[in-house]
Amino acid sequence: MIEKNLNLIRNIAWSYHKTNPAIEFDDLFSEGCVAYLEAEKNFNPNCGIKETSYIWMCIQSHLNNITKRENKINQWLSPVIFEELFQESIYSLEDTPYSYQPEKCLMAKEAYAMLFNTLSPMAQELVESIQNGLGGYLPMDTPKLCRGAIKDALREQGWSWANIWETFREIKGALA
């Protein structure tokens, strides 16, 4: 029966590969096949749901767990990547390894200051509070969780929903 549903597994694996290109398609497809076999074994026809719907949900759930685990692993590796990008931006590899170029650092600070000064006072307050950590942990693994944590912290400070979303839109527009 798995031969009959290979296209279903392939489509689900491909959709996860498009959103998580760091994970190989073949790995996602093989994990989808494993999830398919488990779902087929555990399916109960008396539960009132079609078998293909149940299998689809099981494959998606399994691939969600895989991608979450991979994203957590990649999150621990990300500080190294940021450090490399930082070094490439203000250090020159032409003269000697990692010779400091203060003009690049100064240009980055000036660009940030120009961008910051174009924001409204509320947006500036939001950027400053994010830089200070909002008094707690910001979950940086997914943007949605990070925005949620920021939104909750701002609500605790007395910001209205309209002000929060208007400020988010302003910052997003300034960064675009």
N, C-alpha and C. Protein backbone atom coordinates (compact mmCIF):
# COMPACT_ATOMS: atom_id res chain seq x y z
N MET A 1 0.82 -1.20 0.00
CA MET A 1 0.00 0.00 0.00
C MET A 1 0.86 1.27 0.00
N ILE A 2 2.10 1.17 0.48
CA ILE A 2 2.95 2.36 0.52
C ILE A 2 3.25 2.87 -0.89
N GLU A 3 3.34 1.95 -1.87
CA GLU A 3 3.59 2.37 -3.24
C GLU A 3 2.48 3.28 -3.75
N LYS A 4 1.27 3.02 -3.29
CA LYS A 4 0.12 3.80 -3.72
C LYS A 4 0.17 5.23 -3.17
N ASN A 5 0.82 5.42 -2.04
CA ASN A 5 0.84 6.72 -1.38
C ASN A 5 2.21 7.41 -1.41
N LEU A 6 3.10 6.96 -2.27
CA LEU A 6 4.42 7.60 -2.35
C LEU A 6 4.32 9.06 -2.76
N ASN A 7 3.37 9.39 -3.62
CA ASN A 7 3.21 10.80 -4.02
C ASN A 7 2.78 11.66 -2.84
N LEU A 8 1.91 11.12 -1.99
CA LEU A 8 1.49 11.86 -0.79
C LEU A 8 2.69 12.14 0.10
N ILE A 9 3.49 11.12 0.34
CA ILE A 9 4.68 11.28 1.20
C ILE A 9 5.66 12.26 0.55
N ARG A 10 5.87 12.11 -0.75
CA ARG A 10 6.80 12.98 -1.48
C ARG A 10 6.35 14.45 -1.40
N ASN A 11 5.05 14.71 -1.58
CA ASN A 11 4.53 16.09 -1.53
C ASN A 11 4.71 16.71 -0.15
N ILE A 12 4.42 15.94 0.88
CA ILE A 12 4.56 16.47 2.24
C ILE A 12 6.05 16.73 2.54
N ALA A 13 6.91 15.78 2.16
CA ALA A 13 8.35 15.96 2.40
C ALA A 13 8.87 17.16 1.62
N TRP A 14 8.40 17.34 0.40
CA TRP A 14 8.86 18.48 -0.41
C TRP A 14 8.44 19.80 0.21
N SER A 15 7.22 19.87 0.75
CA SER A 15 6.77 21.12 1.37
C SER A 15 7.63 21.45 2.60
N TYR A 16 8.04 20.44 3.34
CA TYR A 16 8.91 20.69 4.50
C TYR A 16 10.32 21.06 4.04
N HIS A 17 10.78 20.47 2.94
CA HIS A 17 12.11 20.80 2.44
C HIS A 17 12.16 22.24 1.93
N LYS A 18 11.07 22.72 1.32
CA LYS A 18 11.05 24.11 0.83
C LYS A 18 11.16 25.10 1.98
N THR A 19 10.54 24.80 3.12
CA THR A 19 10.60 25.73 4.25
C THR A 19 11.83 25.50 5.13
N ASN A 20 12.46 24.34 5.00
CA ASN A 20 13.67 24.02 5.77
C ASN A 20 14.72 23.45 4.83
N PRO A 21 15.33 24.29 3.98
CA PRO A 21 16.27 23.77 2.99
C PRO A 21 17.54 23.16 3.58
N ALA A 22 17.80 23.42 4.85
CA ALA A 22 19.00 22.85 5.47
C ALA A 22 18.85 21.35 5.67
N ILE A 23 17.62 20.85 5.68
CA ILE A 23 17.37 19.43 5.84
C ILE A 23 17.22 18.81 4.45
N GLU A 24 17.96 17.77 4.19
CA GLU A 24 17.94 17.12 2.88
C GLU A 24 16.56 16.54 2.58
N PHE A 25 16.14 16.66 1.33
CA PHE A 25 14.84 16.12 0.91
C PHE A 25 14.78 14.61 1.13
N ASP A 26 15.87 13.91 0.81
CA ASP A 26 15.89 12.45 0.96
C ASP A 26 15.67 12.04 2.41
N ASP A 27 16.25 12.79 3.33
CA ASP A 27 16.05 12.50 4.75
C ASP A 27 14.59 12.69 5.14
N LEU A 28 14.00 13.80 4.68
CA LEU A 28 12.59 14.05 4.99
C LEU A 28 11.69 12.98 4.36
N PHE A 29 12.00 12.59 3.14
CA PHE A 29 11.20 11.58 2.46
C PHE A 29 11.28 10.24 3.19
N SER A 30 12.49 9.84 3.60
CA SER A 30 12.63 8.57 4.32
C SER A 30 11.93 8.62 5.67
N GLU A 31 12.02 9.74 6.36
CA GLU A 31 11.31 9.89 7.63
C GLU A 31 9.80 9.85 7.41
N GLY A 32 9.35 10.43 6.29
CA GLY A 32 7.93 10.38 5.94
C GLY A 32 7.47 8.96 5.70
N CYS A 33 8.32 8.16 5.06
CA CYS A 33 7.97 6.75 4.83
C CYS A 33 7.88 5.98 6.15
N VAL A 34 8.80 6.25 7.05
CA VAL A 34 8.76 5.61 8.37
C VAL A 34 7.47 6.00 9.09
N ALA A 35 7.13 7.29 9.05
CA ALA A 35 5.90 7.76 9.70
C ALA A 35 4.67 7.13 9.05
N TYR A 36 4.72 6.95 7.74
CA TYR A 36 3.61 6.31 7.03
C TYR A 36 3.39 4.89 7.54
N LEU A 37 4.48 4.13 7.65
CA LEU A 37 4.36 2.74 8.10
C LEU A 37 3.84 2.66 9.53
N GLU A 38 4.29 3.56 10.38
CA GLU A 38 3.79 3.59 11.76
C GLU A 38 2.31 3.95 11.80
N ALA A 39 1.91 4.93 10.98
CA ALA A 39 0.51 5.35 10.95
C ALA A 39 -0.38 4.25 10.41
N GLU A 40 0.09 3.55 9.40
CA GLU A 40 -0.69 2.45 8.83
C GLU A 40 -0.88 1.33 9.85
N LYS A 41 0.18 1.08 10.64
CA LYS A 41 0.11 0.04 11.66
C LYS A 41 -0.84 0.44 12.80
N ASN A 42 -0.84 1.73 13.18
CA ASN A 42 -1.63 2.18 14.32
C ASN A 42 -3.03 2.65 13.97
N PHE A 43 -3.40 2.66 12.69
CA PHE A 43 -4.70 3.18 12.29
C PHE A 43 -5.83 2.29 12.81
N ASN A 44 -6.86 2.95 13.34
CA ASN A 44 -8.05 2.27 13.83
C ASN A 44 -9.23 2.72 12.97
N PRO A 45 -9.81 1.83 12.17
CA PRO A 45 -10.91 2.26 11.29
C PRO A 45 -12.16 2.68 12.05
N ASN A 46 -12.26 2.34 13.32
CA ASN A 46 -13.45 2.69 14.12
C ASN A 46 -13.37 4.09 14.71
N CYS A 47 -12.28 4.81 14.45
CA CYS A 47 -12.11 6.14 15.06
C CYS A 47 -12.88 7.23 14.33
N GLY A 48 -13.45 6.92 13.15
CA GLY A 48 -14.29 7.90 12.46
C GLY A 48 -13.54 8.86 11.57
N ILE A 49 -12.34 8.53 11.16
CA ILE A 49 -11.57 9.40 10.27
C ILE A 49 -11.05 8.54 9.12
N LYS A 50 -10.93 9.14 7.95
CA LYS A 50 -10.43 8.41 6.79
C LYS A 50 -8.97 8.04 7.03
N GLU A 51 -8.58 6.91 6.47
CA GLU A 51 -7.22 6.44 6.67
C GLU A 51 -6.19 7.40 6.07
N THR A 52 -6.47 7.94 4.89
CA THR A 52 -5.51 8.87 4.27
C THR A 52 -5.36 10.14 5.09
N SER A 53 -6.45 10.62 5.69
CA SER A 53 -6.36 11.81 6.54
C SER A 53 -5.52 11.53 7.78
N TYR A 54 -5.72 10.36 8.37
CA TYR A 54 -4.94 9.98 9.54
C TYR A 54 -3.46 9.86 9.19
N ILE A 55 -3.17 9.22 8.08
CA ILE A 55 -1.79 9.04 7.65
C ILE A 55 -1.15 10.40 7.36
N TRP A 56 -1.88 11.27 6.69
CA TRP A 56 -1.37 12.62 6.37
C TRP A 56 -1.00 13.36 7.65
N MET A 57 -1.91 13.31 8.66
CA MET A 57 -1.65 14.00 9.93
C MET A 57 -0.43 13.41 10.64
N CYS A 58 -0.29 12.09 10.61
CA CYS A 58 0.85 11.44 11.28
C CYS A 58 2.17 11.81 10.61
N ILE A 59 2.17 11.83 9.27
CA ILE A 59 3.40 12.19 8.56
C ILE A 59 3.77 13.64 8.88
N GLN A 60 2.79 14.52 8.83
CA GLN A 60 3.09 15.93 9.14
C GLN A 60 3.59 16.10 10.56
N SER A 61 2.96 15.42 11.50
CA SER A 61 3.39 15.52 12.89
C SER A 61 4.83 15.03 13.05
N HIS A 62 5.14 13.91 12.42
CA HIS A 62 6.50 13.36 12.50
C HIS A 62 7.52 14.32 11.90
N LEU A 63 7.21 14.87 10.72
CA LEU A 63 8.14 15.80 10.08
C LEU A 63 8.25 17.11 10.85
N ASN A 64 7.16 17.53 11.50
CA ASN A 64 7.24 18.72 12.37
C ASN A 64 8.25 18.49 13.48
N ASN A 65 8.19 17.33 14.10
CA ASN A 65 9.13 17.01 15.18
C ASN A 65 10.57 16.99 14.67
N ILE A 66 10.77 16.43 13.48
CA ILE A 66 12.12 16.38 12.89
C ILE A 66 12.65 17.79 12.66
N THR A 67 11.83 18.64 12.03
CA THR A 67 12.30 20.00 11.71
C THR A 67 12.52 20.82 12.97
N LYS A 68 11.68 20.64 13.99
CA LYS A 68 11.90 21.36 15.24
C LYS A 68 13.22 20.96 15.88
N ARG A 69 13.49 19.66 15.87
CA ARG A 69 14.75 19.17 16.46
C ARG A 69 15.95 19.72 15.68
N GLU A 70 15.87 19.71 14.36
CA GLU A 70 16.96 20.24 13.54
C GLU A 70 17.15 21.74 13.77
N ASN A 71 16.04 22.47 13.89
CA ASN A 71 16.13 23.92 14.13
C ASN A 71 16.77 24.21 15.47
N LYS A 72 16.48 23.39 16.49
CA LYS A 72 17.11 23.59 17.79
C LYS A 72 18.61 23.33 17.72
N ILE A 73 18.99 22.31 16.95
CA ILE A 73 20.42 22.03 16.78
C ILE A 73 21.08 23.19 16.06
N ASN A 74 20.44 23.69 15.00
CA ASN A 74 21.01 24.81 14.24
C ASN A 74 21.05 26.09 15.06
N GLN A 75 20.12 26.23 16.01
CA GLN A 75 20.11 27.42 16.87
C GLN A 75 21.38 27.48 17.72
N TRP A 76 21.85 26.32 18.18
CA TRP A 76 23.06 26.30 18.99
C TRP A 76 24.28 26.61 18.15
N LEU A 77 24.20 26.35 16.84
CA LEU A 77 25.32 26.63 15.96
C LEU A 77 25.33 28.08 15.48
N SER A 78 24.19 28.77 15.58
CA SER A 78 24.08 30.10 14.99
C SER A 78 25.03 31.15 15.57
N PRO A 79 25.38 31.16 16.87
CA PRO A 79 26.33 32.17 17.32
C PRO A 79 27.66 32.12 16.58
N VAL A 80 28.10 30.93 16.19
CA VAL A 80 29.34 30.79 15.43
C VAL A 80 29.17 31.49 14.08
N ILE A 81 28.02 31.29 13.44
CA ILE A 81 27.76 31.90 12.14
C ILE A 81 27.76 33.42 12.28
N PHE A 82 27.07 33.94 13.30
CA PHE A 82 27.01 35.38 13.49
C PHE A 82 28.40 35.95 13.75
N GLU A 83 29.22 35.22 14.49
CA GLU A 83 30.58 35.68 14.76
C GLU A 83 31.38 35.75 13.47
N GLU A 84 31.20 34.73 12.61
CA GLU A 84 31.92 34.75 11.34
C GLU A 84 31.46 35.91 10.47
N LEU A 85 30.15 36.18 10.43
CA LEU A 85 29.66 37.30 9.65
C LEU A 85 30.18 38.62 10.19
N PHE A 86 30.23 38.74 11.52
CA PHE A 86 30.73 39.95 12.14
C PHE A 86 32.19 40.16 11.77
N GLN A 87 32.97 39.10 11.85
CA GLN A 87 34.38 39.22 11.52
C GLN A 87 34.58 39.57 10.06
N GLU A 88 33.75 39.00 9.17
CA GLU A 88 33.89 39.32 7.76
C GLU A 88 33.52 40.77 7.48
N SER A 89 32.59 41.32 8.27
CA SER A 89 32.13 42.67 7.97
C SER A 89 33.09 43.76 8.43
N ILE A 90 33.78 43.57 9.55
CA ILE A 90 34.66 44.63 10.02
C ILE A 90 36.14 44.25 10.02
N TYR A 91 36.43 43.05 9.60
CA TYR A 91 37.82 42.63 9.51
C TYR A 91 38.15 42.37 8.04
N SER A 92 39.33 42.69 7.67
CA SER A 92 39.77 42.45 6.30
C SER A 92 40.69 41.24 6.27
N LEU A 93 40.45 40.36 5.31
CA LEU A 93 41.31 39.19 5.18
C LEU A 93 42.41 39.43 4.16
N GLU A 94 42.47 40.65 3.60
CA GLU A 94 43.44 40.93 2.55
C GLU A 94 44.85 41.12 3.11
N ASP A 95 44.99 41.97 4.11
CA ASP A 95 46.31 42.29 4.62
C ASP A 95 46.85 41.15 5.49
N THR A 96 46.32 41.05 6.66
CA THR A 96 46.68 39.98 7.57
C THR A 96 45.38 39.37 8.07
N PRO A 97 45.42 38.16 8.51
CA PRO A 97 44.18 37.56 9.00
C PRO A 97 43.57 38.40 10.14
N TYR A 98 42.35 38.77 9.94
CA TYR A 98 41.57 39.49 10.94
C TYR A 98 42.18 40.82 11.35
N SER A 99 42.68 41.57 10.40
CA SER A 99 43.14 42.92 10.75
C SER A 99 41.91 43.81 10.86
N TYR A 100 41.79 44.49 11.95
CA TYR A 100 40.61 45.30 12.29
C TYR A 100 40.50 46.51 11.37
N GLN A 101 39.27 46.76 10.86
CA GLN A 101 39.02 47.94 10.04
C GLN A 101 37.96 48.79 10.73
N PRO A 102 38.40 49.79 11.50
CA PRO A 102 37.44 50.58 12.25
C PRO A 102 36.47 51.35 11.37
N GLU A 103 36.85 51.67 10.13
CA GLU A 103 35.93 52.43 9.27
C GLU A 103 34.68 51.61 8.94
N LYS A 104 34.83 50.30 8.79
CA LYS A 104 33.65 49.47 8.53
C LYS A 104 32.74 49.43 9.75
N CYS A 105 33.33 49.34 10.92
CA CYS A 105 32.55 49.35 12.16
C CYS A 105 31.84 50.69 12.32
N LEU A 106 32.53 51.77 12.02
CA LEU A 106 31.96 53.11 12.11
C LEU A 106 30.82 53.27 11.12
N MET A 107 31.01 52.76 9.89
CA MET A 107 29.94 52.84 8.88
C MET A 107 28.70 52.08 9.33
N ALA A 108 28.88 50.91 9.96
CA ALA A 108 27.74 50.13 10.44
C ALA A 108 27.02 50.89 11.55
N LYS A 109 27.78 51.51 12.45
CA LYS A 109 27.16 52.28 13.53
C LYS A 109 26.41 53.49 12.99
N GLU A 110 26.98 54.14 11.98
CA GLU A 110 26.31 55.30 11.38
C GLU A 110 25.04 54.89 10.66
N ALA A 111 25.07 53.76 9.96
CA ALA A 111 23.86 53.28 9.26
C ALA A 111 22.77 52.95 10.28
N TYR A 112 23.15 52.32 11.39
CA TYR A 112 22.19 52.01 12.44
C TYR A 112 21.60 53.30 13.02
N ALA A 113 22.45 54.28 13.28
CA ALA A 113 21.97 55.54 13.86
C ALA A 113 21.01 56.25 12.91
N MET A 114 21.33 56.24 11.61
CA MET A 114 20.43 56.87 10.63
C MET A 114 19.08 56.15 10.60
N LEU A 115 19.11 54.83 10.60
CA LEU A 115 17.86 54.06 10.61
C LEU A 115 17.08 54.31 11.89
N PHE A 116 17.78 54.30 13.02
CA PHE A 116 17.14 54.50 14.31
C PHE A 116 16.48 55.88 14.38
N ASN A 117 17.13 56.90 13.85
CA ASN A 117 16.59 58.27 13.91
C ASN A 117 15.38 58.47 13.01
N THR A 118 15.18 57.60 12.02
CA THR A 118 13.99 57.72 11.17
C THR A 118 12.75 57.14 11.83
N LEU A 119 12.91 56.38 12.90
CA LEU A 119 11.78 55.75 13.58
C LEU A 119 11.06 56.73 14.49
N SER A 120 9.79 56.43 14.72
CA SER A 120 9.01 57.24 15.65
C SER A 120 9.51 56.99 17.08
N PRO A 121 9.13 57.86 18.04
CA PRO A 121 9.58 57.65 19.42
C PRO A 121 9.14 56.30 20.00
N MET A 122 7.91 55.85 19.64
CA MET A 122 7.46 54.54 20.15
C MET A 122 8.30 53.42 19.58
N ALA A 123 8.64 53.50 18.29
CA ALA A 123 9.46 52.46 17.67
C ALA A 123 10.87 52.49 18.26
N GLN A 124 11.40 53.69 18.53
CA GLN A 124 12.71 53.78 19.15
C GLN A 124 12.69 53.16 20.54
N GLU A 125 11.61 53.41 21.28
CA GLU A 125 11.48 52.81 22.61
C GLU A 125 11.45 51.29 22.52
N LEU A 126 10.72 50.77 21.52
CA LEU A 126 10.63 49.33 21.34
C LEU A 126 12.00 48.74 20.99
N VAL A 127 12.72 49.37 20.07
CA VAL A 127 14.04 48.87 19.68
C VAL A 127 14.98 48.88 20.90
N GLU A 128 14.96 49.95 21.68
CA GLU A 128 15.83 50.02 22.86
C GLU A 128 15.46 48.95 23.88
N SER A 129 14.16 48.71 24.07
CA SER A 129 13.76 47.70 25.05
C SER A 129 14.12 46.29 24.56
N ILE A 130 14.07 46.06 23.25
CA ILE A 130 14.48 44.76 22.71
C ILE A 130 15.98 44.58 22.90
N GLN A 131 16.76 45.63 22.66
CA GLN A 131 18.21 45.54 22.85
C GLN A 131 18.56 45.28 24.30
N ASN A 132 17.75 45.77 25.21
CA ASN A 132 18.00 45.55 26.64
C ASN A 132 17.44 44.21 27.11
N GLY A 133 16.80 43.46 26.19
CA GLY A 133 16.32 42.13 26.53
C GLY A 133 14.92 42.09 27.10
N LEU A 134 14.23 43.20 27.18
CA LEU A 134 12.86 43.27 27.70
C LEU A 134 12.75 42.66 29.10
N GLY A 135 13.84 42.58 29.79
CA GLY A 135 13.81 42.06 31.16
C GLY A 135 13.63 40.56 31.23
N GLY A 136 13.87 39.85 30.15
CA GLY A 136 13.70 38.40 30.17
C GLY A 136 14.27 37.74 28.95
N TYR A 137 13.94 36.47 28.79
CA TYR A 137 14.45 35.66 27.70
C TYR A 137 13.64 35.90 26.44
N LEU A 138 14.32 36.11 25.31
CA LEU A 138 13.66 36.20 24.01
C LEU A 138 13.93 34.92 23.23
N PRO A 139 12.88 34.15 22.90
CA PRO A 139 13.08 32.92 22.15
C PRO A 139 13.42 33.22 20.70
N MET A 140 14.69 33.16 20.36
CA MET A 140 15.13 33.55 19.02
C MET A 140 15.05 32.42 18.00
N ASP A 141 14.57 31.21 18.42
CA ASP A 141 14.55 30.11 17.48
C ASP A 141 13.51 30.30 16.38
N THR A 142 12.40 30.94 16.68
CA THR A 142 11.43 31.23 15.63
C THR A 142 10.96 32.68 15.78
N PRO A 143 10.80 33.38 14.67
CA PRO A 143 10.36 34.77 14.75
C PRO A 143 9.00 34.92 15.42
N LYS A 144 8.10 33.95 15.20
CA LYS A 144 6.76 34.06 15.78
C LYS A 144 6.81 34.03 17.30
N LEU A 145 7.63 33.13 17.86
CA LEU A 145 7.77 33.08 19.32
C LEU A 145 8.41 34.35 19.85
N CYS A 146 9.39 34.86 19.12
CA CYS A 146 10.07 36.08 19.54
C CYS A 146 9.09 37.25 19.55
N ARG A 147 8.29 37.39 18.47
CA ARG A 147 7.30 38.47 18.43
C ARG A 147 6.29 38.31 19.56
N GLY A 148 5.91 37.06 19.85
CA GLY A 148 4.96 36.81 20.93
C GLY A 148 5.52 37.24 22.28
N ALA A 149 6.79 36.93 22.53
CA ALA A 149 7.42 37.33 23.79
C ALA A 149 7.52 38.85 23.89
N ILE A 150 7.85 39.51 22.79
CA ILE A 150 7.93 40.98 22.78
C ILE A 150 6.55 41.57 23.03
N LYS A 151 5.55 41.03 22.34
CA LYS A 151 4.17 41.51 22.50
C LYS A 151 3.71 41.37 23.94
N ASP A 152 3.98 40.21 24.57
CA ASP A 152 3.57 40.00 25.96
C ASP A 152 4.26 40.98 26.90
N ALA A 153 5.57 41.21 26.67
CA ALA A 153 6.31 42.15 27.52
C ALA A 153 5.76 43.57 27.37
N LEU A 154 5.42 43.96 26.14
CA LEU A 154 4.87 45.30 25.92
C LEU A 154 3.48 45.44 26.53
N ARG A 155 2.69 44.38 26.47
CA ARG A 155 1.35 44.43 27.09
C ARG A 155 1.48 44.61 28.61
N GLU A 156 2.49 43.98 29.19
CA GLU A 156 2.73 44.13 30.63
C GLU A 156 3.15 45.56 30.97
N GLN A 157 3.79 46.24 30.00
CA GLN A 157 4.21 47.63 30.22
C GLN A 157 3.08 48.61 29.94
N GLY A 158 1.92 48.11 29.49
CA GLY A 158 0.76 48.97 29.27
C GLY A 158 0.54 49.42 27.83
N TRP A 159 1.24 48.83 26.88
CA TRP A 159 1.03 49.19 25.48
C TRP A 159 -0.30 48.62 25.00
N SER A 160 -0.98 49.35 24.13
CA SER A 160 -2.22 48.84 23.55
C SER A 160 -1.87 47.95 22.35
N TRP A 161 -2.86 47.11 21.96
CA TRP A 161 -2.64 46.23 20.81
C TRP A 161 -2.35 47.05 19.56
N ALA A 162 -3.11 48.11 19.38
CA ALA A 162 -2.94 48.95 18.18
C ALA A 162 -1.53 49.54 18.12
N ASN A 163 -1.03 50.03 19.26
CA ASN A 163 0.33 50.60 19.28
C ASN A 163 1.39 49.54 18.99
N ILE A 164 1.19 48.35 19.53
CA ILE A 164 2.17 47.27 19.31
C ILE A 164 2.26 46.94 17.83
N TRP A 165 1.11 46.68 17.21
CA TRP A 165 1.13 46.24 15.80
C TRP A 165 1.54 47.38 14.87
N GLU A 166 1.15 48.59 15.20
CA GLU A 166 1.57 49.74 14.39
C GLU A 166 3.09 49.91 14.45
N THR A 167 3.65 49.71 15.63
CA THR A 167 5.10 49.84 15.80
C THR A 167 5.83 48.71 15.09
N PHE A 168 5.31 47.47 15.20
CA PHE A 168 5.90 46.35 14.47
C PHE A 168 5.91 46.64 12.97
N ARG A 169 4.80 47.13 12.44
CA ARG A 169 4.71 47.43 11.01
C ARG A 169 5.72 48.51 10.61
N GLU A 170 5.86 49.53 11.46
CA GLU A 170 6.80 50.61 11.17
C GLU A 170 8.24 50.08 11.11
N ILE A 171 8.61 49.26 12.08
CA ILE A 171 9.97 48.73 12.10
C ILE A 171 10.20 47.81 10.92
N LYS A 172 9.21 46.97 10.61
CA LYS A 172 9.34 46.06 9.47
C LYS A 172 9.50 46.86 8.17
N GLY A 173 8.73 47.95 8.03
CA GLY A 173 8.84 48.79 6.85
C GLY A 173 10.18 49.49 6.76
N ALA A 174 10.72 49.90 7.90
CA ALA A 174 12.02 50.58 7.90
C ALA A 174 13.15 49.62 7.54
N LEU A 175 13.01 48.38 7.90
CA LEU A 175 14.05 47.39 7.61
C LEU A 175 13.96 46.84 6.20
N ALA A 176 12.81 47.02 5.56
CA ALA A 176 12.64 46.46 4.21
C ALA A 176 13.41 47.22 3.16
